[in-house]
C-alpha atoms as a PDB file:
ATOM      1  CA  MET A   1      96.810 -54.657 147.258  1.00  0.00           C
ATOM      2  CA  ARG A   2      93.958 -53.238 145.195  1.00  0.00           C
ATOM      3  CA  THR A   3      94.789 -50.190 143.104  1.00  0.00           C
ATOM      4  CA  ILE A   4      92.558 -47.227 143.936  1.00  0.00           C
ATOM      5  CA  GLN A   5      90.899 -45.758 140.859  1.00  0.00           C
ATOM      6  CA  ILE A   6      90.584 -41.969 140.728  1.00  0.00           C
ATOM      7  CA  ALA A   7      88.633 -40.061 138.071  1.00  0.00           C
ATOM      8  CA  LEU A   8      90.090 -36.681 137.146  1.00  0.00           C
ATOM      9  CA  THR A   9      87.181 -34.836 135.574  1.00  0.00           C
ATOM     10  CA  GLY A  10      88.087 -31.855 133.484  1.00  0.00           C
ATOM     11  CA  ASP A  11      89.674 -31.206 130.132  1.00  0.00           C
ATOM     12  CA  LEU A  12      93.357 -32.129 130.143  1.00  0.00           C
ATOM     13  CA  ASP A  13      95.713 -29.337 129.108  1.00  0.00           C
ATOM     14  CA  GLU A  14      99.442 -29.836 129.703  1.00  0.00           C
ATOM     15  CA  ASP A  15      99.872 -26.054 129.754  1.00  0.00           C
ATOM     16  CA  VAL A  16      97.817 -25.877 132.971  1.00  0.00           C
ATOM     17  CA  VAL A  17     100.164 -26.084 135.956  1.00  0.00           C
ATOM     18  CA  ALA A  18      97.600 -27.883 138.116  1.00  0.00           C
ATOM     19  CA  HIS A  19      97.094 -30.576 135.475  1.00  0.00           C
ATOM     20  CA  ARG A  20     100.818 -31.346 135.495  1.00  0.00           C
ATOM     21  CA  ALA A  21     100.887 -31.375 139.296  1.00  0.00           C
ATOM     22  CA  ILE A  22      97.868 -33.569 140.065  1.00  0.00           C
ATOM     23  CA  PRO A  23      99.259 -36.999 139.015  1.00  0.00           C
ATOM     24  CA  ARG A  24     102.394 -36.420 141.090  1.00  0.00           C
ATOM     25  CA  ALA A  25     100.353 -35.119 144.031  1.00  0.00           C
ATOM     26  CA  LEU A  26      98.280 -38.312 143.965  1.00  0.00           C
ATOM     27  CA  GLN A  27     101.329 -40.554 143.885  1.00  0.00           C
ATOM     28  CA  LEU A  28     102.877 -38.736 146.853  1.00  0.00           C
ATOM     29  CA  ALA A  29      99.590 -39.065 148.735  1.00  0.00           C
ATOM     30  CA  ALA A  30      99.277 -42.763 147.865  1.00  0.00           C
ATOM     31  CA  ALA A  31     102.766 -43.445 149.206  1.00  0.00           C
ATOM     32  CA  ALA A  32     101.849 -41.692 152.450  1.00  0.00           C
ATOM     33  CA  VAL A  33      98.598 -43.645 152.784  1.00  0.00           C
ATOM     34  CA  GLY A  34     100.210 -46.947 151.808  1.00  0.00           C
ATOM     35  CA  CYS A  35      98.211 -47.822 148.701  1.00  0.00           C
ATOM     36  CA  ARG A  36      98.458 -47.728 144.931  1.00  0.00           C
ATOM     37  CA  VAL A  37      96.563 -45.136 142.900  1.00  0.00           C
ATOM     38  CA  ALA A  38      95.691 -45.062 139.209  1.00  0.00           C
ATOM     39  CA  ALA A  39      94.294 -41.765 137.915  1.00  0.00           C
ATOM     40  CA  ARG A  40      92.382 -41.467 134.652  1.00  0.00           C
ATOM     41  CA  TRP A  41      91.388 -38.261 132.934  1.00  0.00           C
ATOM     42  CA  VAL A  42      87.677 -38.104 132.152  1.00  0.00           C
ATOM     43  CA  PRO A  43      86.705 -35.255 129.802  1.00  0.00           C
ATOM     44  CA  THR A  44      83.633 -33.363 130.910  1.00  0.00           C
ATOM     45  CA  THR A  45      81.981 -34.270 127.620  1.00  0.00           C
ATOM     46  CA  ASP A  46      82.164 -37.955 128.660  1.00  0.00           C
ATOM     47  CA  LEU A  47      79.869 -37.229 131.624  1.00  0.00           C
ATOM     48  CA  VAL A  48      76.803 -36.602 129.487  1.00  0.00           C
ATOM     49  CA  PRO A  49      74.306 -38.101 129.172  1.00  0.00           C
ATOM     50  CA  ASP A  50      75.190 -40.661 131.892  1.00  0.00           C
ATOM     51  CA  ALA A  51      77.668 -39.508 134.529  1.00  0.00           C
ATOM     52  CA  ALA A  52      76.709 -42.369 136.855  1.00  0.00           C
ATOM     53  CA  SER A  53      77.835 -45.075 134.435  1.00  0.00           C
ATOM     54  CA  THR A  54      81.017 -43.202 133.554  1.00  0.00           C
ATOM     55  CA  LEU A  55      82.041 -42.696 137.190  1.00  0.00           C
ATOM     56  CA  ASP A  56      80.853 -46.034 138.561  1.00  0.00           C
ATOM     57  CA  PRO A  57      84.255 -47.785 138.170  1.00  0.00           C
ATOM     58  CA  PHE A  58      86.017 -45.133 140.247  1.00  0.00           C
ATOM     59  CA  ASP A  59      86.716 -45.031 143.984  1.00  0.00           C
ATOM     60  CA  GLY A  60      87.284 -41.288 144.091  1.00  0.00           C
ATOM     61  CA  HIS A  61      86.491 -38.243 141.966  1.00  0.00           C
ATOM     62  CA  TRP A  62      88.628 -35.114 141.616  1.00  0.00           C
ATOM     63  CA  CYS A  63      87.089 -32.255 139.629  1.00  0.00           C
ATOM     64  CA  VAL A  64      90.159 -30.350 138.495  1.00  0.00           C
ATOM     65  CA  PRO A  65      90.988 -26.721 137.654  1.00  0.00           C
ATOM     66  CA  GLY A  66      90.601 -25.408 134.130  1.00  0.00           C
ATOM     67  CA  SER A  67      87.310 -23.617 133.536  1.00  0.00           C
ATOM     68  CA  PRO A  68      85.376 -22.950 131.489  1.00  0.00           C
ATOM     69  CA  TYR A  69      84.923 -26.671 130.945  1.00  0.00           C
ATOM     70  CA  ALA A  70      84.109 -28.101 127.536  1.00  0.00           C
ATOM     71  CA  SER A  71      80.821 -29.260 129.074  1.00  0.00           C
ATOM     72  CA  GLU A  72      79.547 -27.427 132.142  1.00  0.00           C
ATOM     73  CA  LYS A  73      76.588 -29.814 132.116  1.00  0.00           C
ATOM     74  CA  GLY A  74      78.955 -32.784 132.274  1.00  0.00           C
ATOM     75  CA  ALA A  75      81.010 -31.320 135.110  1.00  0.00           C
ATOM     76  CA  LEU A  76      77.885 -30.625 137.159  1.00  0.00           C
ATOM     77  CA  ALA A  77      76.456 -34.089 136.459  1.00  0.00           C
ATOM     78  CA  GLY A  78      79.652 -35.719 137.690  1.00  0.00           C
ATOM     79  CA  ILE A  79      79.642 -33.664 140.880  1.00  0.00           C
ATOM     80  CA  ALA A  80      75.966 -34.415 141.491  1.00  0.00           C
ATOM     81  CA  ASP A  81      76.590 -38.142 141.122  1.00  0.00           C
ATOM     82  CA  SER A  82      79.462 -38.187 143.608  1.00  0.00           C
ATOM     83  CA  ARG A  83      77.532 -36.025 146.055  1.00  0.00           C
ATOM     84  CA  ALA A  84      74.496 -38.300 145.913  1.00  0.00           C
ATOM     85  CA  THR A  85      76.270 -41.670 145.920  1.00  0.00           C
ATOM     86  CA  GLY A  86      78.884 -40.968 148.583  1.00  0.00           C
ATOM     87  CA  ARG A  87      81.896 -41.353 146.283  1.00  0.00           C
ATOM     88  CA  PRO A  88      84.776 -39.339 147.793  1.00  0.00           C
ATOM     89  CA  TYR A  89      85.011 -36.010 146.003  1.00  0.00           C
ATOM     90  CA  LEU A  90      87.734 -33.386 145.895  1.00  0.00           C
ATOM     91  CA  GLY A  91      87.230 -30.211 143.892  1.00  0.00           C
ATOM     92  CA  THR A  92      89.962 -27.620 143.460  1.00  0.00           C
ATOM     93  CA  CYS A  93      89.667 -24.162 141.904  1.00  0.00           C
ATOM     94  CA  ALA A  94      87.043 -24.697 139.160  1.00  0.00           C
ATOM     95  CA  GLY A  95      86.053 -27.894 140.981  1.00  0.00           C
ATOM     96  CA  PHE A  96      85.206 -25.691 143.986  1.00  0.00           C
ATOM     97  CA  GLN A  97      83.241 -23.243 141.863  1.00  0.00           C
ATOM     98  CA  HIS A  98      81.212 -25.962 140.168  1.00  0.00           C
ATOM     99  CA  ALA A  99      80.577 -27.848 143.415  1.00  0.00           C
ATOM    100  CA  ILE A 100      78.946 -24.677 144.737  1.00  0.00           C
ATOM    101  CA  LEU A 101      77.009 -24.221 141.508  1.00  0.00           C
ATOM    102  CA  GLU A 102      75.707 -27.807 141.564  1.00  0.00           C
ATOM    103  CA  TYR A 103      74.705 -27.544 145.231  1.00  0.00           C
ATOM    104  CA  ALA A 104      72.919 -24.254 144.649  1.00  0.00           C
ATOM    105  CA  ARG A 105      70.887 -25.713 141.800  1.00  0.00           C
ATOM    106  CA  ASP A 106      70.179 -29.225 143.003  1.00  0.00           C
ATOM    107  CA  VAL A 107      70.016 -28.852 146.789  1.00  0.00           C
ATOM    108  CA  LEU A 108      69.287 -25.203 147.537  1.00  0.00           C
ATOM    109  CA  GLY A 109      66.865 -25.127 144.618  1.00  0.00           C
ATOM    110  CA  VAL A 110      68.120 -22.024 142.793  1.00  0.00           C
ATOM    111  CA  ALA A 111      67.237 -23.303 139.327  1.00  0.00           C
ATOM    112  CA  ASP A 112      68.914 -20.416 137.510  1.00  0.00           C
ATOM    113  CA  ALA A 113      72.081 -20.416 139.629  1.00  0.00           C
ATOM    114  CA  ALA A 114      74.933 -19.441 137.342  1.00  0.00           C
ATOM    115  CA  HIS A 115      78.692 -19.066 137.026  1.00  0.00           C
ATOM    116  CA  GLU A 116      79.487 -15.501 136.018  1.00  0.00           C
ATOM    117  CA  GLU A 117      82.428 -16.611 133.862  1.00  0.00           C
ATOM    118  CA  THR A 118      80.145 -18.493 131.477  1.00  0.00           C
ATOM    119  CA  ASP A 119      76.939 -16.517 132.074  1.00  0.00           C
ATOM    120  CA  PRO A 120      77.776 -12.835 132.615  1.00  0.00           C
ATOM    121  CA  GLY A 121      74.746 -10.810 133.586  1.00  0.00           C
ATOM    122  CA  ALA A 122      72.932 -13.830 135.050  1.00  0.00           C
ATOM    123  CA  ALA A 123      70.141 -13.139 137.528  1.00  0.00           C
ATOM    124  CA  SER A 124      71.583 -15.542 140.134  1.00  0.00           C
ATOM    125  CA  PRO A 125      75.397 -15.452 139.938  1.00  0.00           C
ATOM    126  CA  VAL A 126      76.192 -17.892 142.755  1.00  0.00           C
ATOM    127  CA  VAL A 127      79.790 -17.964 141.486  1.00  0.00           C
ATOM    128  CA  SER A 128      80.945 -14.436 140.757  1.00  0.00           C
ATOM    129  CA  ARG A 129      84.087 -12.532 139.847  1.00  0.00           C
ATOM    130  CA  LEU A 130      86.388 -11.911 142.792  1.00  0.00           C
ATOM    131  CA  ALA A 131      86.938  -8.300 143.785  1.00  0.00           C
ATOM    132  CA  CYS A 132      90.669  -9.004 143.533  1.00  0.00           C
ATOM    133  CA  ALA A 133      91.794 -11.837 141.261  1.00  0.00           C
ATOM    134  CA  LEU A 134      93.892 -14.532 142.931  1.00  0.00           C
ATOM    135  CA  VAL A 135      96.107 -15.387 139.973  1.00  0.00           C
ATOM    136  CA  GLU A 136      99.484 -16.795 141.040  1.00  0.00           C
ATOM    137  CA  ARG A 137      98.972 -15.551 144.586  1.00  0.00           C
ATOM    138  CA  ASP A 138      99.405 -17.197 147.975  1.00  0.00           C
ATOM    139  CA  GLY A 139      97.272 -16.544 151.010  1.00  0.00           C
ATOM    140  CA  ARG A 140      96.501 -17.806 154.485  1.00  0.00           C
ATOM    141  CA  VAL A 141      93.344 -19.807 155.095  1.00  0.00           C
ATOM    142  CA  ARG A 142      91.864 -20.562 158.521  1.00  0.00           C
ATOM    143  CA  PHE A 143      89.958 -23.805 159.078  1.00  0.00           C
ATOM    144  CA  ALA A 144      86.709 -24.266 160.974  1.00  0.00           C
ATOM    145  CA  PRO A 145      87.434 -26.235 164.160  1.00  0.00           C
ATOM    146  CA  GLY A 146      86.357 -29.858 163.902  1.00  0.00           C
ATOM    147  CA  SER A 147      85.847 -29.720 160.135  1.00  0.00           C
ATOM    148  CA  ARG A 148      87.118 -32.459 157.857  1.00  0.00           C
ATOM    149  CA  ILE A 149      89.609 -30.091 156.280  1.00  0.00           C
ATOM    150  CA  ALA A 150      90.929 -29.049 159.692  1.00  0.00           C
ATOM    151  CA  ARG A 151      91.357 -32.705 160.671  1.00  0.00           C
ATOM    152  CA  ALA A 152      93.185 -33.396 157.422  1.00  0.00           C
ATOM    153  CA  TYR A 153      95.669 -30.578 157.938  1.00  0.00           C
ATOM    154  CA  GLY A 154      96.004 -31.160 161.670  1.00  0.00           C
ATOM    155  CA  ARG A 155      96.325 -27.438 162.316  1.00  0.00           C
ATOM    156  CA  ALA A 156      94.237 -24.308 162.409  1.00  0.00           C
ATOM    157  CA  ALA A 157      95.569 -22.534 159.321  1.00  0.00           C
ATOM    158  CA  ALA A 158      97.791 -22.902 156.271  1.00  0.00           C
ATOM    159  CA  VAL A 159      99.184 -20.877 153.385  1.00  0.00           C
ATOM    160  CA  GLU A 160      97.999 -22.040 149.959  1.00  0.00           C
ATOM    161  CA  GLY A 161      98.327 -20.941 146.338  1.00  0.00           C
ATOM    162  CA  TYR A 162      95.644 -19.785 143.921  1.00  0.00           C
ATOM    163  CA  HIS A 163      95.105 -19.313 140.210  1.00  0.00           C
ATOM    164  CA  CYS A 164      91.540 -18.053 139.913  1.00  0.00           C
ATOM    165  CA  SER A 165      89.358 -15.040 139.282  1.00  0.00           C
ATOM    166  CA  TYR A 166      85.962 -16.376 140.459  1.00  0.00           C
ATOM    167  CA  GLY A 167      84.616 -17.604 143.781  1.00  0.00           C
ATOM    168  CA  LEU A 168      81.524 -17.914 145.929  1.00  0.00           C
ATOM    169  CA  ASN A 169      79.246 -14.905 145.725  1.00  0.00           C
ATOM    170  CA  PRO A 170      78.925 -13.966 149.432  1.00  0.00           C
ATOM    171  CA  GLU A 171      75.258 -13.085 148.923  1.00  0.00           C
ATOM    172  CA  TYR A 172      74.504 -16.832 148.745  1.00  0.00           C
ATOM    173  CA  GLY A 173      76.735 -18.040 151.573  1.00  0.00           C
ATOM    174  CA  ARG A 174      74.155 -18.151 154.370  1.00  0.00           C
ATOM    175  CA  ALA A 175      71.517 -19.821 152.225  1.00  0.00           C
ATOM    176  CA  LEU A 176      73.965 -22.515 151.156  1.00  0.00           C
ATOM    177  CA  GLU A 177      74.963 -23.083 154.779  1.00  0.00           C
ATOM    178  CA  ARG A 178      71.330 -23.465 155.799  1.00  0.00           C
ATOM    179  CA  ALA A 179      71.001 -26.043 153.021  1.00  0.00           C
ATOM    180  CA  GLY A 180      73.860 -28.068 154.508  1.00  0.00           C
ATOM    181  CA  LEU A 181      76.985 -26.860 152.709  1.00  0.00           C
ATOM    182  CA  ALA A 182      79.538 -25.994 155.399  1.00  0.00           C
ATOM    183  CA  MET A 183      81.957 -23.106 154.868  1.00  0.00           C
ATOM    184  CA  THR A 184      85.088 -24.569 156.422  1.00  0.00           C
ATOM    185  CA  ALA A 185      88.009 -22.377 155.327  1.00  0.00           C
ATOM    186  CA  LEU A 186      88.144 -18.593 155.260  1.00  0.00           C
ATOM    187  CA  ASP A 187      90.858 -16.162 154.263  1.00  0.00           C
ATOM    188  CA  ASP A 188      91.999 -13.316 156.491  1.00  0.00           C
ATOM    189  CA  ASP A 189      89.184 -11.117 155.160  1.00  0.00           C
ATOM    190  CA  GLY A 190      86.521 -13.724 155.919  1.00  0.00           C
ATOM    191  CA  ALA A 191      85.985 -14.810 152.306  1.00  0.00           C
ATOM    192  CA  VAL A 192      85.097 -18.482 151.818  1.00  0.00           C
ATOM    193  CA  ARG A 193      87.950 -20.546 150.421  1.00  0.00           C
ATOM    194  CA  ALA A 194      86.737 -24.116 151.087  1.00  0.00           C
ATOM    195  CA  VAL A 195      83.426 -25.897 151.579  1.00  0.00           C
ATOM    196  CA  GLU A 196      82.416 -29.418 152.570  1.00  0.00           C
ATOM    197  CA  ILE A 197      79.367 -31.583 153.177  1.00  0.00           C
ATOM    198  CA  PRO A 198      79.621 -32.739 156.804  1.00  0.00           C
ATOM    199  CA  PHE A 199      77.716 -36.036 156.519  1.00  0.00           C
ATOM    200  CA  HIS A 200      79.272 -37.137 153.249  1.00  0.00           C
ATOM    201  CA  PRO A 201      82.135 -39.685 153.468  1.00  0.00           C
ATOM    202  CA  PHE A 202      84.407 -37.080 151.840  1.00  0.00           C
ATOM    203  CA  PHE A 203      83.193 -34.043 149.925  1.00  0.00           C
ATOM    204  CA  VAL A 204      85.663 -31.157 150.121  1.00  0.00           C
ATOM    205  CA  ALA A 205      86.180 -28.360 147.622  1.00  0.00           C
ATOM    206  CA  THR A 206      88.820 -25.625 147.789  1.00  0.00           C
ATOM    207  CA  LEU A 207      89.282 -22.465 145.782  1.00  0.00           C
ATOM    208  CA  PHE A 208      93.024 -22.844 146.294  1.00  0.00           C
ATOM    209  CA  GLN A 209      95.102 -25.499 144.541  1.00  0.00           C
ATOM    210  CA  PRO A 210      96.757 -27.877 147.033  1.00  0.00           C
ATOM    211  CA  GLU A 211      98.081 -30.001 144.157  1.00  0.00           C
ATOM    212  CA  ARG A 212     100.688 -27.355 143.353  1.00  0.00           C
ATOM    213  CA  SER A 213     102.693 -28.409 146.406  1.00  0.00           C
ATOM    214  CA  ALA A 214     103.736 -31.546 144.490  1.00  0.00           C
ATOM    215  CA  LEU A 215     105.855 -29.437 142.132  1.00  0.00           C
ATOM    216  CA  ALA A 216     107.739 -27.857 145.019  1.00  0.00           C
ATOM    217  CA  GLY A 217     109.007 -30.939 146.843  1.00  0.00           C
ATOM    218  CA  PHE A 218     108.452 -34.500 147.933  1.00  0.00           C
ATOM    219  CA  GLN A 219     106.021 -34.073 150.803  1.00  0.00           C
ATOM    220  CA  PRO A 220     102.444 -35.324 150.367  1.00  0.00           C
ATOM    221  CA  HIS A 221      99.755 -32.706 150.789  1.00  0.00           C
ATOM    222  CA  PRO A 222      97.612 -33.552 153.840  1.00  0.00           C
ATOM    223  CA  LEU A 223      94.291 -32.805 152.150  1.00  0.00           C
ATOM    224  CA  ILE A 224      95.121 -34.919 149.100  1.00  0.00           C
ATOM    225  CA  ALA A 225      96.309 -37.727 151.379  1.00  0.00           C
ATOM    226  CA  ALA A 226      92.981 -37.537 153.240  1.00  0.00           C
ATOM    227  CA  PHE A 227      91.138 -37.747 149.912  1.00  0.00           C
ATOM    228  CA  VAL A 228      93.142 -40.801 148.833  1.00  0.00           C
ATOM    229  CA  GLU A 229      92.498 -42.453 152.199  1.00  0.00           C
ATOM    230  CA  ALA A 230      88.763 -41.829 151.802  1.00  0.00           C
ATOM    231  CA  ALA A 231      88.902 -43.392 148.330  1.00  0.00           C
ATOM    232  CA  ARG A 232      90.774 -46.374 149.760  1.00  0.00           C
ATOM    233  CA  VAL A 233      88.050 -46.873 152.363  1.00  0.00           C
ATOM    234  CA  HIS A 234      85.383 -46.506 149.701  1.00  0.00           C
ATOM    235  CA  ALA A 235      87.094 -49.147 147.571  1.00  0.00           C
ATOM    236  CA  ALA A 236      87.185 -51.570 150.496  1.00  0.00           C
ATOM    237  CA  GLY A 237      83.392 -51.793 150.469  1.00  0.00           C
ATOM    238  CA  PRO A 238      80.418 -50.705 152.572  1.00  0.00           C
ATOM    239  CA  GLU A 239      81.386 -52.833 155.553  1.00  0.00           C
ATOM    240  CA  SER A 240      84.521 -50.737 156.080  1.00  0.00           C
ATOM    241  CA  ARG A 241      82.788 -47.359 155.978  1.00  0.00           C
ATOM    242  CA  VAL A 242      81.306 -45.235 158.713  1.00  0.00           C
ATOM    243  CA  ASP A 243      77.517 -44.979 158.380  1.00  0.00           C
ATOM    244  CA  ARG A 244      76.961 -42.121 155.973  1.00  0.00           C
ATOM    245  CA  GLY A 245      73.433 -41.262 157.032  1.00  0.00           C
ATOM    246  CA  ALA A 246      71.085 -39.553 154.611  1.00  0.00           C
ATOM    247  CA  ALA A 247      71.976 -35.892 154.973  1.00  0.00           C
ATOM    248  CA  PHE A 248      74.435 -35.800 152.076  1.00  0.00           C
ATOM    249  CA  THR A 249      71.784 -36.974 149.614  1.00  0.00           C
ATOM    250  CA  ALA A 250      69.540 -33.970 150.241  1.00  0.00           C
END
């Protein structure tokens, strides 16, 4: 059985709860899928100047919480590579924020798209401060019917935990949707809490942190299991994959 290789891009900090949870969450997911997983931390600084070469050995890519990153440029380059090549991608918390930022710049064409945490006062704050911070809070999210995230969970809604103060600026939501980024989980107030690229083999990003469930028990998280399964399929080679089409490379 081939071991599935997962890149964890971010800057490892054992004081970050999510960083302690992610390796366990992956092992629980791998047991549920029936494969072996090896995760390796890849600092964001290692993704410049050549993210493609750095990520090429990996079957899946998880951009982890913990912003601001040591290299925002590196984080965005890694996301862009996985988006364009079809490598399964999961982004949580900061990985959600930077997936939106990369898409806004490279697909929507907002060259000065910015993250308000690192660029306060920017002209185009695609990622902006939340009206109410979601630090150590839980909340219900509702999934778009037929979306990849809904299929992963197998239900219409779930309660998830957060540790964040920034999210999608709603002023850019419709433009991003028109450019192909689907808004597939909303909270009870209609705020976007997850996005995905429909024609990509697996590109899902959540503002919440599903990995935290691994510290509360022994059950695999359904979204992380779906990510590991997508990485397993990717590792098996092109002949085992559904035709990806061209839309995700836009």
